[in-house]
Amino acid sequence: MATNANLDSDPNGTSVDITQYRAMIGSLLYLTASRPDIMFAVCLCARYQANPKELHLKAVKRILKYVKGSLNLGLWYGKQSDLDLIGYADADFAGDRMDRKSTSGTCQFLGGSLVSWSSRKQTSVALSTTEAEYVAAGSCCTQILWMIQSLNDYEIRFRNVSIMCDNTSAIMISKNPVLQSRTKHIEIRHHFIRDHIEKCEIELIHIDTKEQIADIFTKPLNTQQHNELRFKLGMLELRE
Protein backbone atom coordinates (compact mmCIF):
# COMPACT_ATOMS: atom_id res chain seq x y z
CA MET A 1 0.00 0.00 0.00
CA ALA A 2 1.33 3.43 -0.93
CA THR A 3 2.48 5.57 2.00
CA ASN A 4 0.09 8.33 0.93
CA ALA A 5 -2.89 5.98 0.54
CA ASN A 6 -5.25 7.51 3.10
CA LEU A 7 -8.46 5.60 2.57
CA ASP A 8 -11.79 7.04 3.68
CA SER A 9 -15.45 6.31 2.96
CA ASP A 10 -15.28 8.32 -0.31
CA PRO A 11 -19.03 9.13 -0.31
CA ASN A 12 -18.88 10.67 -3.81
CA GLY A 13 -16.98 7.75 -5.32
CA THR A 14 -18.28 5.11 -7.71
CA SER A 15 -19.83 2.10 -5.98
CA VAL A 16 -18.60 -1.40 -6.79
CA ASP A 17 -20.03 -4.91 -6.46
CA ILE A 18 -20.34 -5.53 -2.71
CA THR A 19 -20.42 -9.33 -3.08
CA GLN A 20 -17.23 -9.39 -5.12
CA TYR A 21 -15.47 -6.97 -2.78
CA ARG A 22 -16.39 -8.95 0.31
CA ALA A 23 -15.28 -12.19 -1.34
CA MET A 24 -11.88 -10.66 -2.11
CA ILE A 25 -11.54 -9.34 1.43
CA GLY A 26 -12.56 -12.71 2.89
CA SER A 27 -9.93 -14.52 0.88
CA LEU A 28 -7.24 -12.02 1.87
CA LEU A 29 -8.20 -12.22 5.55
CA TYR A 30 -7.78 -15.99 5.32
CA LEU A 31 -4.36 -15.45 3.78
CA THR A 32 -3.22 -13.20 6.65
CA ALA A 33 -3.01 -16.34 8.80
CA SER A 34 0.31 -17.04 7.07
CA ARG A 35 1.16 -13.66 5.54
CA PRO A 36 1.58 -11.03 8.29
CA ASP A 37 3.15 -8.63 5.79
CA ILE A 38 -0.29 -7.83 4.32
CA MET A 39 -2.14 -7.72 7.65
CA PHE A 40 -2.46 -3.96 7.97
CA ALA A 41 -3.45 -3.29 4.35
CA VAL A 42 -6.10 -6.03 4.35
CA CYS A 43 -7.59 -4.94 7.69
CA LEU A 44 -7.72 -1.34 6.48
CA CYS A 45 -9.62 -2.30 3.32
CA ALA A 46 -11.91 -4.56 5.35
CA ARG A 47 -13.29 -1.52 7.21
CA TYR A 48 -15.19 -0.44 4.08
CA GLN A 49 -17.09 -3.64 3.28
CA ALA A 50 -20.45 -2.04 4.03
CA ASN A 51 -20.24 0.37 1.10
CA PRO A 52 -17.10 -0.19 -0.98
CA LYS A 53 -16.08 2.29 -3.64
CA GLU A 54 -13.77 2.12 -6.61
CA LEU A 55 -11.02 3.65 -4.46
CA HIS A 56 -11.18 0.72 -2.07
CA LEU A 57 -11.29 -1.84 -4.88
CA LYS A 58 -8.10 -0.38 -6.36
CA ALA A 59 -6.39 -0.76 -2.99
CA VAL A 60 -7.48 -4.41 -2.78
CA LYS A 61 -6.25 -5.09 -6.31
CA ARG A 62 -2.90 -3.59 -5.36
CA ILE A 63 -2.67 -6.07 -2.47
CA LEU A 64 -3.48 -8.93 -4.85
CA LYS A 65 -0.78 -7.71 -7.22
CA TYR A 66 1.72 -7.70 -4.37
CA VAL A 67 0.72 -11.23 -3.33
CA LYS A 68 1.07 -12.46 -6.90
CA GLY A 69 4.60 -11.08 -7.06
CA SER A 70 5.64 -12.65 -3.76
CA LEU A 71 4.21 -16.16 -3.89
CA ASN A 72 7.44 -17.69 -2.56
CA LEU A 73 7.43 -15.62 0.63
CA GLY A 74 6.67 -17.52 3.81
CA LEU A 75 7.34 -17.64 7.53
CA TRP A 76 10.44 -19.59 8.47
CA TYR A 77 10.39 -21.51 11.75
CA GLY A 78 13.92 -22.60 12.57
CA LYS A 79 15.12 -24.77 15.43
CA GLN A 80 16.10 -22.59 18.37
CA SER A 81 17.89 -23.59 21.55
CA ASP A 82 16.44 -20.77 23.67
CA LEU A 83 12.67 -20.66 24.10
CA ASP A 84 12.23 -16.94 24.76
CA LEU A 85 8.92 -15.09 24.67
CA ILE A 86 8.91 -11.47 23.58
CA GLY A 87 6.29 -9.04 22.32
CA TYR A 88 6.27 -5.83 20.28
CA ALA A 89 3.61 -3.14 20.54
CA ASP A 90 3.15 -0.01 18.45
CA ALA A 91 0.38 2.41 17.50
CA ASP A 92 -0.39 4.88 14.73
CA PHE A 93 -1.91 7.91 16.46
CA ALA A 94 -5.23 9.05 14.91
CA GLY A 95 -4.48 7.15 11.73
CA ASP A 96 -8.10 6.57 10.69
CA ARG A 97 -9.36 9.49 8.59
CA MET A 98 -13.00 8.82 9.42
CA ASP A 99 -13.16 8.79 13.23
CA ARG A 100 -9.51 9.59 14.08
CA LYS A 101 -9.10 6.41 16.08
CA SER A 102 -5.62 4.97 16.36
CA THR A 103 -4.45 1.59 15.08
CA SER A 104 -2.74 -0.88 17.41
CA GLY A 105 -0.15 -3.25 16.01
CA THR A 106 1.24 -6.13 18.06
CA CYS A 107 3.26 -9.27 17.44
CA GLN A 108 4.73 -11.99 19.64
CA PHE A 109 7.80 -14.16 19.10
CA LEU A 110 8.40 -17.54 20.74
CA GLY A 111 11.88 -18.97 20.41
CA GLY A 112 12.76 -16.31 17.86
CA SER A 113 9.83 -17.26 15.61
CA LEU A 114 6.69 -15.22 14.97
CA VAL A 115 3.65 -16.99 16.42
CA SER A 116 1.02 -14.26 16.77
CA TRP A 117 0.27 -10.88 15.23
CA SER A 118 -2.55 -8.34 15.17
CA SER A 119 -3.55 -5.07 13.51
CA ARG A 120 -6.67 -3.55 15.02
CA LYS A 121 -8.33 -0.17 15.27
CA GLN A 122 -8.70 0.97 18.86
CA THR A 123 -12.21 1.17 20.30
CA SER A 124 -11.89 4.72 21.63
CA VAL A 125 -10.25 7.91 20.39
CA ALA A 126 -6.83 8.48 21.95
CA LEU A 127 -6.04 12.05 22.96
CA SER A 128 -2.29 11.68 22.57
CA THR A 129 0.39 9.48 21.08
CA THR A 130 1.24 8.30 24.59
CA GLU A 131 -2.30 7.08 25.19
CA ALA A 132 -2.41 5.28 21.84
CA GLU A 133 0.90 3.55 22.57
CA TYR A 134 -0.24 2.66 26.10
CA VAL A 135 -3.43 1.05 24.81
CA ALA A 136 -1.41 -0.90 22.21
CA ALA A 137 0.93 -2.15 24.93
CA GLY A 138 -2.11 -3.31 26.90
CA SER A 139 -3.37 -5.27 23.91
CA CYS A 140 0.01 -6.93 23.53
CA CYS A 141 0.04 -7.71 27.25
CA THR A 142 -3.33 -9.46 26.96
CA GLN A 143 -2.00 -11.77 24.26
CA ILE A 144 1.23 -12.41 26.15
CA LEU A 145 -0.68 -13.39 29.30
CA TRP A 146 -2.82 -15.83 27.31
CA MET A 147 0.32 -17.38 25.83
CA ILE A 148 1.95 -17.65 29.26
CA GLN A 149 -1.11 -19.45 30.61
CA SER A 150 -1.21 -21.81 27.63
CA LEU A 151 2.50 -22.62 27.93
CA ASN A 152 2.05 -23.36 31.63
CA ASP A 153 0.08 -26.43 30.58
CA TYR A 154 3.31 -27.71 29.02
CA GLU A 155 5.26 -26.84 32.19
CA ILE A 156 7.04 -23.96 30.43
CA ARG A 157 7.27 -21.02 32.82
CA PHE A 158 7.98 -17.40 32.01
CA ARG A 159 8.74 -14.39 34.20
CA ASN A 160 9.39 -10.77 33.22
CA VAL A 161 8.31 -11.25 29.61
CA SER A 162 9.57 -8.26 27.60
CA ILE A 163 7.21 -6.07 25.59
CA MET A 164 9.12 -3.71 23.33
CA CYS A 165 7.65 -0.20 23.13
CA ASP A 166 9.13 2.87 21.41
CA ASN A 167 7.30 5.45 23.57
CA THR A 168 9.03 6.37 26.82
CA SER A 169 5.97 8.21 28.19
CA ALA A 170 3.81 5.10 27.88
CA ILE A 171 6.45 3.14 29.78
CA MET A 172 6.50 5.79 32.52
CA ILE A 173 2.71 5.59 32.91
CA SER A 174 2.88 1.83 33.39
CA LYS A 175 5.61 2.08 36.03
CA ASN A 176 4.76 5.31 37.87
CA PRO A 177 1.01 6.06 37.72
CA VAL A 178 1.11 8.41 40.71
CA LEU A 179 3.00 11.04 38.75
CA GLN A 180 0.74 10.77 35.73
CA SER A 181 -2.42 12.58 36.89
CA ARG A 182 -3.36 13.41 33.31
CA THR A 183 -4.12 9.77 32.57
CA LYS A 184 -7.45 9.74 34.44
CA HIS A 185 -9.36 9.94 31.16
CA ILE A 186 -7.89 6.62 29.98
CA GLU A 187 -10.36 3.80 30.49
CA ILE A 188 -9.71 1.70 33.60
CA ARG A 189 -9.54 -1.53 31.61
CA HIS A 190 -6.35 -0.35 29.93
CA HIS A 191 -4.53 0.06 33.25
CA PHE A 192 -4.44 -3.65 34.10
CA ILE A 193 -0.94 -3.82 32.62
CA ARG A 194 0.37 -2.01 35.72
CA ASP A 195 -0.63 -4.90 37.99
CA HIS A 196 1.21 -7.43 35.87
CA ILE A 197 4.31 -5.25 35.78
CA GLU A 198 4.26 -5.05 39.59
CA LYS A 199 3.92 -8.85 39.71
CA CYS A 200 7.03 -9.13 37.50
CA GLU A 201 5.08 -11.00 34.85
CA ILE A 202 5.49 -8.31 32.19
CA GLU A 203 8.27 -5.80 31.57
CA LEU A 204 7.96 -2.82 29.23
CA ILE A 205 11.26 -2.05 27.53
CA HIS A 206 12.05 0.91 25.32
CA ILE A 207 13.15 0.24 21.78
CA ASP A 208 14.23 2.56 19.01
CA THR A 209 11.47 3.39 16.56
CA LYS A 210 13.57 2.06 13.66
CA GLU A 211 13.73 -1.33 15.40
CA GLN A 212 10.00 -1.50 16.18
CA ILE A 213 8.83 -4.56 14.25
CA ALA A 214 5.15 -3.94 15.04
CA ASP A 215 5.32 -0.76 12.95
CA ILE A 216 4.42 -2.87 9.90
CA PHE A 217 0.97 -3.50 11.44
CA THR A 218 0.06 0.16 12.03
CA LYS A 219 0.64 2.17 8.87
CA PRO A 220 1.69 2.01 5.19
CA LEU A 221 5.48 1.95 4.80
CA ASN A 222 7.81 2.61 1.92
CA THR A 223 9.37 -0.34 0.11
CA GLN A 224 12.65 -0.34 2.02
CA GLN A 225 11.05 -0.15 5.47
CA HIS A 226 8.45 -2.75 4.57
CA ASN A 227 11.05 -5.21 3.29
CA GLU A 228 13.29 -4.72 6.33
CA LEU A 229 10.48 -5.31 8.81
CA ARG A 230 9.15 -8.19 6.76
CA PHE A 231 12.55 -9.87 7.09
CA LYS A 232 12.60 -9.25 10.85
CA LEU A 233 9.22 -10.97 11.09
CA GLY A 234 10.93 -14.08 9.80
CA MET A 235 9.49 -14.01 6.30
CA LEU A 236 11.90 -15.47 3.77
CA GLU A 237 11.70 -16.34 0.10
CA LEU A 238 11.25 -20.08 0.19
CA ARG A 239 12.45 -21.97 -2.87
CA GLU A 240 12.08 -25.63 -3.70
C-alpha atoms as a PDB file:
ATOM      1  CA  MET A   1       0.000   0.000   0.000  1.00  0.00           C
ATOM      2  CA  ALA A   2       1.330   3.426  -0.930  1.00  0.00           C
ATOM      3  CA  THR A   3       2.485   5.569   2.003  1.00  0.00           C
ATOM      4  CA  ASN A   4       0.089   8.329   0.934  1.00  0.00           C
ATOM      5  CA  ALA A   5      -2.892   5.981   0.540  1.00  0.00           C
ATOM      6  CA  ASN A   6      -5.250   7.508   3.095  1.00  0.00           C
ATOM      7  CA  LEU A   7      -8.456   5.599   2.570  1.00  0.00           C
ATOM      8  CA  ASP A   8     -11.789   7.036   3.677  1.00  0.00           C
ATOM      9  CA  SER A   9     -15.445   6.311   2.956  1.00  0.00           C
ATOM     10  CA  ASP A  10     -15.277   8.320  -0.311  1.00  0.00           C
ATOM     11  CA  PRO A  11     -19.033   9.125  -0.312  1.00  0.00           C
ATOM     12  CA  ASN A  12     -18.885  10.665  -3.809  1.00  0.00           C
ATOM     13  CA  GLY A  13     -16.979   7.746  -5.316  1.00  0.00           C
ATOM     14  CA  THR A  14     -18.281   5.113  -7.714  1.00  0.00           C
ATOM     15  CA  SER A  15     -19.826   2.098  -5.979  1.00  0.00           C
ATOM     16  CA  VAL A  16     -18.596  -1.405  -6.791  1.00  0.00           C
ATOM     17  CA  ASP A  17     -20.034  -4.908  -6.464  1.00  0.00           C
ATOM     18  CA  ILE A  18     -20.337  -5.531  -2.710  1.00  0.00           C
ATOM     19  CA  THR A  19     -20.420  -9.325  -3.083  1.00  0.00           C
ATOM     20  CA  GLN A  20     -17.227  -9.392  -5.120  1.00  0.00           C
ATOM     21  CA  TYR A  21     -15.471  -6.970  -2.783  1.00  0.00           C
ATOM     22  CA  ARG A  22     -16.394  -8.953   0.313  1.00  0.00           C
ATOM     23  CA  ALA A  23     -15.279 -12.190  -1.343  1.00  0.00           C
ATOM     24  CA  MET A  24     -11.885 -10.658  -2.105  1.00  0.00           C
ATOM     25  CA  ILE A  25     -11.537  -9.340   1.435  1.00  0.00           C
ATOM     26  CA  GLY A  26     -12.558 -12.706   2.894  1.00  0.00           C
ATOM     27  CA  SER A  27      -9.926 -14.523   0.876  1.00  0.00           C
ATOM     28  CA  LEU A  28      -7.236 -12.023   1.874  1.00  0.00           C
ATOM     29  CA  LEU A  29      -8.196 -12.224   5.554  1.00  0.00           C
ATOM     30  CA  TYR A  30      -7.784 -15.990   5.322  1.00  0.00           C
ATOM     31  CA  LEU A  31      -4.356 -15.451   3.776  1.00  0.00           C
ATOM     32  CA  THR A  32      -3.221 -13.201   6.645  1.00  0.00           C
ATOM     33  CA  ALA A  33      -3.013 -16.340   8.800  1.00  0.00           C
ATOM     34  CA  SER A  34       0.306 -17.039   7.074  1.00  0.00           C
ATOM     35  CA  ARG A  35       1.157 -13.658   5.536  1.00  0.00           C
ATOM     36  CA  PRO A  36       1.578 -11.032   8.291  1.00  0.00           C
ATOM     37  CA  ASP A  37       3.150  -8.625   5.792  1.00  0.00           C
ATOM     38  CA  ILE A  38      -0.289  -7.827   4.323  1.00  0.00           C
ATOM     39  CA  MET A  39      -2.142  -7.719   7.648  1.00  0.00           C
ATOM     40  CA  PHE A  40      -2.456  -3.957   7.974  1.00  0.00           C
ATOM     41  CA  ALA A  41      -3.452  -3.288   4.352  1.00  0.00           C
ATOM     42  CA  VAL A  42      -6.100  -6.028   4.351  1.00  0.00           C
ATOM     43  CA  CYS A  43      -7.594  -4.935   7.686  1.00  0.00           C
ATOM     44  CA  LEU A  44      -7.719  -1.337   6.476  1.00  0.00           C
ATOM     45  CA  CYS A  45      -9.616  -2.300   3.320  1.00  0.00           C
ATOM     46  CA  ALA A  46     -11.906  -4.561   5.346  1.00  0.00           C
ATOM     47  CA  ARG A  47     -13.287  -1.518   7.208  1.00  0.00           C
ATOM     48  CA  TYR A  48     -15.195  -0.439   4.082  1.00  0.00           C
ATOM     49  CA  GLN A  49     -17.085  -3.639   3.279  1.00  0.00           C
ATOM     50  CA  ALA A  50     -20.450  -2.038   4.027  1.00  0.00           C
ATOM     51  CA  ASN A  51     -20.243   0.370   1.099  1.00  0.00           C
ATOM     52  CA  PRO A  52     -17.101  -0.188  -0.975  1.00  0.00           C
ATOM     53  CA  LYS A  53     -16.080   2.290  -3.638  1.00  0.00           C
ATOM     54  CA  GLU A  54     -13.774   2.122  -6.614  1.00  0.00           C
ATOM     55  CA  LEU A  55     -11.019   3.648  -4.461  1.00  0.00           C
ATOM     56  CA  HIS A  56     -11.184   0.715  -2.070  1.00  0.00           C
ATOM     57  CA  LEU A  57     -11.289  -1.836  -4.883  1.00  0.00           C
ATOM     58  CA  LYS A  58      -8.103  -0.379  -6.362  1.00  0.00           C
ATOM     59  CA  ALA A  59      -6.393  -0.762  -2.988  1.00  0.00           C
ATOM     60  CA  VAL A  60      -7.484  -4.410  -2.783  1.00  0.00           C
ATOM     61  CA  LYS A  61      -6.245  -5.085  -6.306  1.00  0.00           C
ATOM     62  CA  ARG A  62      -2.899  -3.588  -5.356  1.00  0.00           C
ATOM     63  CA  ILE A  63      -2.673  -6.070  -2.472  1.00  0.00           C
ATOM     64  CA  LEU A  64      -3.478  -8.933  -4.846  1.00  0.00           C
ATOM     65  CA  LYS A  65      -0.783  -7.710  -7.223  1.00  0.00           C
ATOM     66  CA  TYR A  66       1.723  -7.702  -4.371  1.00  0.00           C
ATOM     67  CA  VAL A  67       0.716 -11.227  -3.325  1.00  0.00           C
ATOM     68  CA  LYS A  68       1.067 -12.465  -6.896  1.00  0.00           C
ATOM     69  CA  GLY A  69       4.595 -11.080  -7.059  1.00  0.00           C
ATOM     70  CA  SER A  70       5.635 -12.650  -3.758  1.00  0.00           C
ATOM     71  CA  LEU A  71       4.208 -16.160  -3.891  1.00  0.00           C
ATOM     72  CA  ASN A  72       7.442 -17.693  -2.558  1.00  0.00           C
ATOM     73  CA  LEU A  73       7.431 -15.625   0.634  1.00  0.00           C
ATOM     74  CA  GLY A  74       6.665 -17.522   3.811  1.00  0.00           C
ATOM     75  CA  LEU A  75       7.337 -17.644   7.526  1.00  0.00           C
ATOM     76  CA  TRP A  76      10.436 -19.594   8.474  1.00  0.00           C
ATOM     77  CA  TYR A  77      10.388 -21.510  11.750  1.00  0.00           C
ATOM     78  CA  GLY A  78      13.917 -22.602  12.568  1.00  0.00           C
ATOM     79  CA  LYS A  79      15.117 -24.775  15.429  1.00  0.00           C
ATOM     80  CA  GLN A  80      16.101 -22.586  18.372  1.00  0.00           C
ATOM     81  CA  SER A  81      17.891 -23.594  21.547  1.00  0.00           C
ATOM     82  CA  ASP A  82      16.442 -20.768  23.671  1.00  0.00           C
ATOM     83  CA  LEU A  83      12.666 -20.663  24.101  1.00  0.00           C
ATOM     84  CA  ASP A  84      12.228 -16.945  24.764  1.00  0.00           C
ATOM     85  CA  LEU A  85       8.915 -15.093  24.671  1.00  0.00           C
ATOM     86  CA  ILE A  86       8.915 -11.467  23.580  1.00  0.00           C
ATOM     87  CA  GLY A  87       6.291  -9.036  22.325  1.00  0.00           C
ATOM     88  CA  TYR A  88       6.269  -5.832  20.282  1.00  0.00           C
ATOM     89  CA  ALA A  89       3.608  -3.139  20.544  1.00  0.00           C
ATOM     90  CA  ASP A  90       3.149  -0.010  18.452  1.00  0.00           C
ATOM     91  CA  ALA A  91       0.384   2.414  17.501  1.00  0.00           C
ATOM     92  CA  ASP A  92      -0.390   4.881  14.725  1.00  0.00           C
ATOM     93  CA  PHE A  93      -1.913   7.907  16.457  1.00  0.00           C
ATOM     94  CA  ALA A  94      -5.228   9.054  14.914  1.00  0.00           C
ATOM     95  CA  GLY A  95      -4.483   7.152  11.730  1.00  0.00           C
ATOM     96  CA  ASP A  96      -8.098   6.573  10.689  1.00  0.00           C
ATOM     97  CA  ARG A  97      -9.356   9.489   8.588  1.00  0.00           C
ATOM     98  CA  MET A  98     -12.999   8.824   9.423  1.00  0.00           C
ATOM     99  CA  ASP A  99     -13.159   8.793  13.226  1.00  0.00           C
ATOM    100  CA  ARG A 100      -9.512   9.594  14.076  1.00  0.00           C
ATOM    101  CA  LYS A 101      -9.102   6.413  16.077  1.00  0.00           C
ATOM    102  CA  SER A 102      -5.621   4.969  16.358  1.00  0.00           C
ATOM    103  CA  THR A 103      -4.451   1.594  15.080  1.00  0.00           C
ATOM    104  CA  SER A 104      -2.742  -0.882  17.413  1.00  0.00           C
ATOM    105  CA  GLY A 105      -0.146  -3.252  16.011  1.00  0.00           C
ATOM    106  CA  THR A 106       1.237  -6.132  18.058  1.00  0.00           C
ATOM    107  CA  CYS A 107       3.260  -9.267  17.444  1.00  0.00           C
ATOM    108  CA  GLN A 108       4.728 -11.990  19.638  1.00  0.00           C
ATOM    109  CA  PHE A 109       7.798 -14.162  19.102  1.00  0.00           C
ATOM    110  CA  LEU A 110       8.402 -17.539  20.744  1.00  0.00           C
ATOM    111  CA  GLY A 111      11.880 -18.966  20.406  1.00  0.00           C
ATOM    112  CA  GLY A 112      12.763 -16.306  17.865  1.00  0.00           C
ATOM    113  CA  SER A 113       9.827 -17.259  15.610  1.00  0.00           C
ATOM    114  CA  LEU A 114       6.692 -15.218  14.968  1.00  0.00           C
ATOM    115  CA  VAL A 115       3.653 -16.988  16.417  1.00  0.00           C
ATOM    116  CA  SER A 116       1.020 -14.260  16.771  1.00  0.00           C
ATOM    117  CA  TRP A 117       0.270 -10.877  15.228  1.00  0.00           C
ATOM    118  CA  SER A 118      -2.547  -8.339  15.167  1.00  0.00           C
ATOM    119  CA  SER A 119      -3.546  -5.067  13.511  1.00  0.00           C
ATOM    120  CA  ARG A 120      -6.668  -3.554  15.018  1.00  0.00           C
ATOM    121  CA  LYS A 121      -8.332  -0.173  15.272  1.00  0.00           C
ATOM    122  CA  GLN A 122      -8.704   0.972  18.858  1.00  0.00           C
ATOM    123  CA  THR A 123     -12.212   1.170  20.296  1.00  0.00           C
ATOM    124  CA  SER A 124     -11.888   4.721  21.634  1.00  0.00           C
ATOM    125  CA  VAL A 125     -10.246   7.907  20.395  1.00  0.00           C
ATOM    126  CA  ALA A 126      -6.828   8.484  21.950  1.00  0.00           C
ATOM    127  CA  LEU A 127      -6.045  12.049  22.962  1.00  0.00           C
ATOM    128  CA  SER A 128      -2.291  11.680  22.568  1.00  0.00           C
ATOM    129  CA  THR A 129       0.392   9.480  21.079  1.00  0.00           C
ATOM    130  CA  THR A 130       1.239   8.302  24.589  1.00  0.00           C
ATOM    131  CA  GLU A 131      -2.304   7.081  25.194  1.00  0.00           C
ATOM    132  CA  ALA A 132      -2.412   5.284  21.843  1.00  0.00           C
ATOM    133  CA  GLU A 133       0.905   3.549  22.569  1.00  0.00           C
ATOM    134  CA  TYR A 134      -0.238   2.665  26.102  1.00  0.00           C
ATOM    135  CA  VAL A 135      -3.427   1.053  24.805  1.00  0.00           C
ATOM    136  CA  ALA A 136      -1.414  -0.900  22.210  1.00  0.00           C
ATOM    137  CA  ALA A 137       0.928  -2.155  24.931  1.00  0.00           C
ATOM    138  CA  GLY A 138      -2.110  -3.315  26.901  1.00  0.00           C
ATOM    139  CA  SER A 139      -3.373  -5.272  23.905  1.00  0.00           C
ATOM    140  CA  CYS A 140       0.011  -6.931  23.530  1.00  0.00           C
ATOM    141  CA  CYS A 141       0.036  -7.707  27.253  1.00  0.00           C
ATOM    142  CA  THR A 142      -3.328  -9.461  26.961  1.00  0.00           C
ATOM    143  CA  GLN A 143      -2.003 -11.768  24.257  1.00  0.00           C
ATOM    144  CA  ILE A 144       1.234 -12.406  26.154  1.00  0.00           C
ATOM    145  CA  LEU A 145      -0.680 -13.393  29.301  1.00  0.00           C
ATOM    146  CA  TRP A 146      -2.821 -15.827  27.310  1.00  0.00           C
ATOM    147  CA  MET A 147       0.322 -17.376  25.828  1.00  0.00           C
ATOM    148  CA  ILE A 148       1.953 -17.653  29.260  1.00  0.00           C
ATOM    149  CA  GLN A 149      -1.111 -19.455  30.614  1.00  0.00           C
ATOM    150  CA  SER A 150      -1.207 -21.808  27.633  1.00  0.00           C
ATOM    151  CA  LEU A 151       2.501 -22.621  27.930  1.00  0.00           C
ATOM    152  CA  ASN A 152       2.048 -23.362  31.635  1.00  0.00           C
ATOM    153  CA  ASP A 153       0.080 -26.426  30.580  1.00  0.00           C
ATOM    154  CA  TYR A 154       3.312 -27.712  29.022  1.00  0.00           C
ATOM    155  CA  GLU A 155       5.265 -26.835  32.192  1.00  0.00           C
ATOM    156  CA  ILE A 156       7.035 -23.965  30.434  1.00  0.00           C
ATOM    157  CA  ARG A 157       7.266 -21.024  32.825  1.00  0.00           C
ATOM    158  CA  PHE A 158       7.980 -17.396  32.007  1.00  0.00           C
ATOM    159  CA  ARG A 159       8.740 -14.388  34.201  1.00  0.00           C
ATOM    160  CA  ASN A 160       9.395 -10.768  33.216  1.00  0.00           C
ATOM    161  CA  VAL A 161       8.312 -11.247  29.611  1.00  0.00           C
ATOM    162  CA  SER A 162       9.566  -8.260  27.597  1.00  0.00           C
ATOM    163  CA  ILE A 163       7.208  -6.073  25.594  1.00  0.00           C
ATOM    164  CA  MET A 164       9.119  -3.707  23.330  1.00  0.00           C
ATOM    165  CA  CYS A 165       7.649  -0.196  23.126  1.00  0.00           C
ATOM    166  CA  ASP A 166       9.125   2.869  21.407  1.00  0.00           C
ATOM    167  CA  ASN A 167       7.300   5.446  23.565  1.00  0.00           C
ATOM    168  CA  THR A 168       9.025   6.373  26.819  1.00  0.00           C
ATOM    169  CA  SER A 169       5.968   8.214  28.187  1.00  0.00           C
ATOM    170  CA  ALA A 170       3.808   5.104  27.881  1.00  0.00           C
ATOM    171  CA  ILE A 171       6.451   3.137  29.777  1.00  0.00           C
ATOM    172  CA  MET A 172       6.505   5.789  32.524  1.00  0.00           C
ATOM    173  CA  ILE A 173       2.712   5.589  32.907  1.00  0.00           C
ATOM    174  CA  SER A 174       2.880   1.826  33.386  1.00  0.00           C
ATOM    175  CA  LYS A 175       5.610   2.076  36.031  1.00  0.00           C
ATOM    176  CA  ASN A 176       4.764   5.310  37.866  1.00  0.00           C
ATOM    177  CA  PRO A 177       1.014   6.059  37.718  1.00  0.00           C
ATOM    178  CA  VAL A 178       1.109   8.413  40.711  1.00  0.00           C
ATOM    179  CA  LEU A 179       2.998  11.044  38.754  1.00  0.00           C
ATOM    180  CA  GLN A 180       0.737  10.771  35.732  1.00  0.00           C
ATOM    181  CA  SER A 181      -2.424  12.582  36.886  1.00  0.00           C
ATOM    182  CA  ARG A 182      -3.356  13.413  33.307  1.00  0.00           C
ATOM    183  CA  THR A 183      -4.125   9.766  32.565  1.00  0.00           C
ATOM    184  CA  LYS A 184      -7.453   9.743  34.435  1.00  0.00           C
ATOM    185  CA  HIS A 185      -9.364   9.941  31.159  1.00  0.00           C
ATOM    186  CA  ILE A 186      -7.885   6.617  29.984  1.00  0.00           C
ATOM    187  CA  GLU A 187     -10.358   3.798  30.495  1.00  0.00           C
ATOM    188  CA  ILE A 188      -9.712   1.700  33.599  1.00  0.00           C
ATOM    189  CA  ARG A 189      -9.541  -1.527  31.613  1.00  0.00           C
ATOM    190  CA  HIS A 190      -6.346  -0.352  29.926  1.00  0.00           C
ATOM    191  CA  HIS A 191      -4.530   0.055  33.252  1.00  0.00           C
ATOM    192  CA  PHE A 192      -4.438  -3.651  34.101  1.00  0.00           C
ATOM    193  CA  ILE A 193      -0.943  -3.825  32.616  1.00  0.00           C
ATOM    194  CA  ARG A 194       0.367  -2.012  35.722  1.00  0.00           C
ATOM    195  CA  ASP A 195      -0.632  -4.902  37.989  1.00  0.00           C
ATOM    196  CA  HIS A 196       1.208  -7.430  35.868  1.00  0.00           C
ATOM    197  CA  ILE A 197       4.315  -5.248  35.776  1.00  0.00           C
ATOM    198  CA  GLU A 198       4.262  -5.046  39.590  1.00  0.00           C
ATOM    199  CA  LYS A 199       3.919  -8.850  39.713  1.00  0.00           C
ATOM    200  CA  CYS A 200       7.034  -9.130  37.498  1.00  0.00           C
ATOM    201  CA  GLU A 201       5.080 -11.005  34.851  1.00  0.00           C
ATOM    202  CA  ILE A 202       5.493  -8.313  32.191  1.00  0.00           C
ATOM    203  CA  GLU A 203       8.268  -5.802  31.567  1.00  0.00           C
ATOM    204  CA  LEU A 204       7.956  -2.820  29.227  1.00  0.00           C
ATOM    205  CA  ILE A 205      11.261  -2.053  27.532  1.00  0.00           C
ATOM    206  CA  HIS A 206      12.050   0.912  25.324  1.00  0.00           C
ATOM    207  CA  ILE A 207      13.151   0.239  21.781  1.00  0.00           C
ATOM    208  CA  ASP A 208      14.233   2.561  19.013  1.00  0.00           C
ATOM    209  CA  THR A 209      11.472   3.394  16.555  1.00  0.00           C
ATOM    210  CA  LYS A 210      13.570   2.060  13.662  1.00  0.00           C
ATOM    211  CA  GLU A 211      13.730  -1.327  15.401  1.00  0.00           C
ATOM    212  CA  GLN A 212       9.999  -1.496  16.178  1.00  0.00           C
ATOM    213  CA  ILE A 213       8.831  -4.556  14.254  1.00  0.00           C
ATOM    214  CA  ALA A 214       5.151  -3.937  15.038  1.00  0.00           C
ATOM    215  CA  ASP A 215       5.319  -0.761  12.946  1.00  0.00           C
ATOM    216  CA  ILE A 216       4.424  -2.867   9.900  1.00  0.00           C
ATOM    217  CA  PHE A 217       0.968  -3.504  11.437  1.00  0.00           C
ATOM    218  CA  THR A 218       0.065   0.158  12.029  1.00  0.00           C
ATOM    219  CA  LYS A 219       0.642   2.174   8.869  1.00  0.00           C
ATOM    220  CA  PRO A 220       1.686   2.011   5.190  1.00  0.00           C
ATOM    221  CA  LEU A 221       5.476   1.949   4.796  1.00  0.00           C
ATOM    222  CA  ASN A 222       7.808   2.605   1.919  1.00  0.00           C
ATOM    223  CA  THR A 223       9.373  -0.344   0.110  1.00  0.00           C
ATOM    224  CA  GLN A 224      12.650  -0.336   2.022  1.00  0.00           C
ATOM    225  CA  GLN A 225      11.047  -0.146   5.473  1.00  0.00           C
ATOM    226  CA  HIS A 226       8.447  -2.746   4.573  1.00  0.00           C
ATOM    227  CA  ASN A 227      11.050  -5.206   3.292  1.00  0.00           C
ATOM    228  CA  GLU A 228      13.293  -4.721   6.330  1.00  0.00           C
ATOM    229  CA  LEU A 229      10.478  -5.311   8.813  1.00  0.00           C
ATOM    230  CA  ARG A 230       9.154  -8.194   6.758  1.00  0.00           C
ATOM    231  CA  PHE A 231      12.551  -9.874   7.087  1.00  0.00           C
ATOM    232  CA  LYS A 232      12.602  -9.254  10.852  1.00  0.00           C
ATOM    233  CA  LEU A 233       9.221 -10.970  11.088  1.00  0.00           C
ATOM    234  CA  GLY A 234      10.932 -14.083   9.797  1.00  0.00           C
ATOM    235  CA  MET A 235       9.493 -14.011   6.299  1.00  0.00           C
ATOM    236  CA  LEU A 236      11.899 -15.466   3.766  1.00  0.00           C
ATOM    237  CA  GLU A 237      11.700 -16.337   0.095  1.00  0.00           C
ATOM    238  CA  LEU A 238      11.254 -20.082   0.192  1.00  0.00           C
ATOM    239  CA  ARG A 239      12.449 -21.975  -2.868  1.00  0.00           C
ATOM    240  CA  GLU A 240      12.080 -25.632  -3.703  1.00  0.00           C
END
